Protein backbone atom coordinates (compact mmCIF):
# COMPACT_ATOMS: atom_id res chain seq x y z
CA MET A 1 -8.80 -23.52 -12.32
CA LYS A 2 -8.95 -22.78 -8.61
CA MET A 3 -5.82 -21.10 -7.32
CA ARG A 4 -4.31 -22.33 -4.07
CA LEU A 5 -4.19 -20.05 -1.04
CA PRO A 6 -0.81 -18.96 0.36
CA ASN A 7 0.67 -20.75 3.34
CA TRP A 8 0.84 -17.61 5.48
CA ASP A 9 2.80 -19.36 8.23
CA LYS A 10 5.56 -19.82 5.65
CA TRP A 11 5.35 -16.50 3.83
CA LYS A 12 5.40 -14.41 7.00
CA LEU A 13 8.97 -15.64 7.48
CA PHE A 14 10.10 -14.02 4.21
CA PRO A 15 11.68 -10.60 4.97
CA THR A 16 11.43 -9.40 1.37
CA LEU A 17 9.35 -10.30 -1.67
CA THR A 18 9.89 -10.16 -5.41
CA ALA A 19 7.32 -8.35 -7.53
CA THR A 20 5.52 -11.52 -8.55
CA GLU A 21 5.51 -12.90 -5.00
CA ALA A 22 4.17 -9.62 -3.64
CA VAL A 23 1.40 -9.30 -6.22
CA ALA A 24 0.34 -12.92 -5.81
CA LEU A 25 0.04 -12.47 -2.05
CA THR A 26 -2.09 -9.33 -2.45
CA LEU A 27 -4.50 -11.49 -4.47
CA ASN A 28 -4.42 -14.28 -1.86
CA ILE A 29 -2.72 -16.61 -4.34
CA ASP A 30 0.14 -18.94 -3.48
CA PRO A 31 3.10 -17.48 -5.44
CA LYS A 32 4.34 -21.03 -6.01
CA ASP A 33 1.03 -22.13 -7.49
CA ALA A 34 1.92 -20.88 -10.96
CA GLU A 35 4.96 -20.43 -13.15
CA PHE A 36 6.14 -16.91 -12.38
CA ARG A 37 9.88 -17.34 -12.94
CA GLY A 38 11.28 -14.74 -15.30
CA LEU A 39 8.47 -12.22 -14.98
CA ASP A 40 10.43 -10.15 -12.46
CA ASN A 41 13.00 -9.34 -15.15
CA PHE A 42 10.70 -7.80 -17.75
CA ASP A 43 10.91 -4.04 -18.35
CA TYR A 44 7.48 -3.00 -17.10
CA ALA A 45 8.55 0.66 -17.11
CA SER A 46 8.70 0.71 -20.89
CA ASP A 47 5.72 2.29 -22.60
CA ASN A 48 6.12 -0.35 -25.29
CA PHE A 49 5.86 -3.22 -22.82
CA LYS A 50 3.55 -6.05 -23.79
CA PHE A 51 2.65 -8.55 -21.12
CA PRO A 52 3.72 -12.11 -21.96
CA ALA A 53 1.02 -14.69 -22.59
CA ARG A 54 1.78 -16.61 -19.40
CA PHE A 55 -1.55 -16.74 -17.64
CA GLY A 56 -3.59 -19.28 -19.60
CA HIS A 57 -3.75 -21.44 -16.47
CA MET A 58 -5.48 -18.67 -14.46
CA PRO A 59 -9.16 -17.73 -14.54
CA PRO A 60 -9.45 -14.72 -16.88
CA ASP A 61 -10.52 -12.28 -14.16
CA ILE A 62 -7.62 -13.25 -11.89
CA ALA A 63 -5.15 -13.15 -14.78
CA ALA A 64 -6.27 -9.64 -15.75
CA GLU A 65 -6.02 -8.38 -12.16
CA PHE A 66 -2.62 -10.03 -11.69
CA GLU A 67 -1.32 -8.40 -14.87
CA GLU A 68 -2.60 -4.97 -13.85
CA ARG A 69 -1.18 -5.18 -10.35
CA LEU A 70 2.19 -6.49 -11.48
CA PHE A 71 2.52 -3.70 -14.03
CA LEU A 72 1.75 -1.05 -11.38
CA PHE A 73 4.07 -2.64 -8.82
CA LYS A 74 6.97 -2.69 -11.29
CA ARG A 75 6.35 0.95 -12.19
CA HIS A 76 6.80 1.90 -8.52
CA PHE A 77 9.47 -0.45 -7.21
CA ASP A 78 12.87 -1.40 -8.53
CA GLY A 79 13.57 -4.75 -6.96
CA LYS A 80 12.14 -6.29 -3.83
CA LEU A 81 9.84 -4.89 -1.17
CA ALA A 82 9.84 -5.65 2.55
CA LEU A 83 6.92 -7.86 3.50
CA GLY A 84 5.91 -5.54 6.34
CA LYS A 85 5.54 -2.59 3.93
CA LEU A 86 3.50 -4.43 1.30
CA SER A 87 0.04 -4.06 2.79
CA GLY A 88 0.49 -0.33 3.49
CA TRP A 89 1.53 0.34 -0.09
CA ALA A 90 -1.19 -1.92 -1.52
CA LEU A 91 -3.86 -0.06 0.45
CA SER A 92 -2.41 3.26 -0.67
CA VAL A 93 -3.16 2.36 -4.28
CA GLU A 94 -6.68 1.18 -3.39
CA TRP A 95 -6.03 -2.57 -3.75
CA SER A 96 -8.12 -4.98 -1.74
CA ILE A 97 -5.90 -7.42 0.15
CA PRO A 98 -6.46 -10.50 2.30
CA PRO A 99 -6.64 -9.92 6.08
CA GLU A 100 -3.73 -12.32 6.59
CA LEU A 101 -1.47 -9.96 4.65
CA ASP A 102 -2.82 -6.88 6.42
CA ALA A 103 -1.99 -8.53 9.76
CA LEU A 104 1.69 -8.73 8.77
CA SER A 105 2.02 -4.97 8.32
CA ASP A 106 4.68 -3.25 10.43
CA GLY A 107 3.07 0.15 9.98
CA PHE A 108 2.75 2.71 7.25
CA ALA A 109 6.01 4.61 7.40
CA ASP A 110 7.14 6.23 4.16
CA VAL A 111 8.08 3.74 1.47
CA ASN A 112 10.81 4.77 -0.96
CA THR A 113 9.78 3.76 -4.44
CA ALA A 114 11.54 3.78 -7.76
CA PRO A 115 10.16 6.57 -9.97
CA PRO A 116 8.30 5.84 -13.18
CA VAL A 117 10.23 6.69 -16.32
CA GLY A 118 10.93 10.42 -16.63
CA VAL A 119 9.86 11.25 -13.08
CA GLY A 120 12.05 12.27 -10.14
CA THR A 121 12.30 10.43 -6.84
CA ILE A 122 8.93 9.76 -5.23
CA ARG A 123 8.12 9.21 -1.58
CA HIS A 124 4.68 7.83 -0.96
CA LYS A 125 2.81 8.10 2.29
CA LEU A 126 -0.18 5.94 3.10
CA ARG A 127 -3.20 7.28 1.26
CA ALA A 128 -2.06 10.87 1.05
CA ASN A 129 -5.36 11.78 -0.58
CA SER A 130 -8.69 13.54 -0.18
CA LEU A 131 -9.56 11.62 3.00
CA ASP A 132 -6.71 13.23 4.91
CA VAL A 133 -8.51 16.55 5.43
CA PRO A 134 -11.75 15.17 6.92
CA ILE A 135 -9.77 12.71 9.03
CA ALA A 136 -7.69 15.59 10.38
CA LYS A 137 -10.90 17.48 11.19
CA ALA A 138 -12.31 14.45 13.00
CA ILE A 139 -9.11 14.06 15.03
CA LYS A 140 -9.27 17.72 16.04
CA GLN A 141 -12.93 17.42 17.08
CA ALA A 142 -12.31 14.18 18.98
CA GLU A 143 -9.11 15.57 20.57
CA SER A 144 -7.87 12.02 20.35
CA LEU A 145 -6.26 9.45 18.07
CA VAL A 146 -8.38 6.63 19.48
CA THR A 147 -10.00 4.97 16.48
CA GLY A 148 -13.50 4.73 17.96
CA ALA A 149 -13.60 8.37 19.00
CA VAL A 150 -12.29 9.61 15.66
CA PHE A 151 -14.65 7.36 13.72
CA LEU A 152 -17.69 8.79 15.54
CA GLU A 153 -16.64 12.34 14.64
CA LEU A 154 -15.80 11.34 11.08
CA ARG A 155 -19.18 9.64 10.73
CA GLU A 156 -20.92 12.88 11.66
CA LEU A 157 -18.84 14.76 9.11
CA ALA A 158 -19.55 12.14 6.46
CA ILE A 159 -23.31 12.12 7.01
CA GLY A 160 -23.22 15.91 6.93
CA GLY A 161 -21.80 15.82 3.42
CA GLU A 162 -18.11 16.47 4.09
CA LYS A 163 -16.23 15.77 0.87
CA PRO A 164 -15.29 13.22 -0.43
CA PHE A 165 -18.00 11.35 1.53
CA THR A 166 -21.35 10.76 -0.12
CA GLY A 167 -23.49 11.10 3.01
CA TYR A 168 -24.31 7.39 3.04
CA THR A 169 -23.16 4.46 5.15
CA GLU A 170 -23.16 0.77 4.32
CA ASP A 171 -22.74 -2.02 6.89
CA GLY A 172 -21.22 0.51 9.27
CA ALA A 173 -18.70 1.79 6.72
CA LEU A 174 -18.60 5.36 5.42
CA CYS A 175 -19.16 5.64 1.66
CA TYR A 176 -16.99 8.06 -0.30
CA THR A 177 -15.62 8.73 -3.77
CA ASN A 178 -11.92 7.94 -4.02
CA ASP A 179 -9.34 9.95 -5.91
CA ALA A 180 -9.92 7.82 -9.00
CA GLY A 181 -13.60 8.84 -8.98
CA LYS A 182 -14.79 5.39 -7.94
CA PRO A 183 -17.12 4.46 -5.05
CA ALA A 184 -15.28 3.24 -1.97
CA LYS A 185 -15.96 2.54 1.71
CA LEU A 186 -14.01 3.44 4.82
CA THR A 187 -14.41 1.00 7.71
CA LYS A 188 -13.41 1.62 11.30
CA ASP A 189 -10.52 -0.83 10.91
CA ALA A 190 -9.28 0.97 7.79
CA LEU A 191 -9.48 4.28 9.64
CA GLY A 192 -7.39 2.81 12.44
CA LYS A 193 -4.64 2.01 9.95
CA ARG A 194 -4.79 5.50 8.48
CA LEU A 195 -4.50 7.08 11.93
CA ARG A 196 -0.96 5.71 12.18
CA ASN A 197 -0.07 8.36 9.61
CA HIS A 198 -1.68 11.22 11.57
CA GLY A 199 -0.89 13.12 14.74
CA LEU A 200 -2.77 15.36 17.15
């Protein structure tokens, strides 16, 4: 079954999103395309949680990704999330998102999130991870926060073997190993978004 695309002209008018609405939008699925009512009320924070069999209408790969994302979202947030903060948080957990959602971002300021069970209050910053150090080095060498200038310096560092980069590029993007140990790519556009969380 082919899932319908969101009507972004409509959804951009929503100031906040429920968990299921948010996750559907990160997958470029119309939240109203499927029966999601009730899923926001399940206790996803419980270690004994078992996902309800509610996704028979979805292609298996989409259903599995939806389930995984919804579980993670509910472990981090208690309630709704502002639309403008969604893309920043989604990128911080290495999700791919549609460009229409990314365009609705209002920046990557800190997002207060509900802690997982047994953990104190957490404040997440955009991609506070192993890329921060080489990006900071590139900013220092470029003496600028202009994306193009920083990217050129970062490319030299990456090709030179600066960790976590692999020394390779692909379609203009810099290849690296993310904090989960998986291959990933940093584009110039993605760097530009990260630079909002850096200073000179």
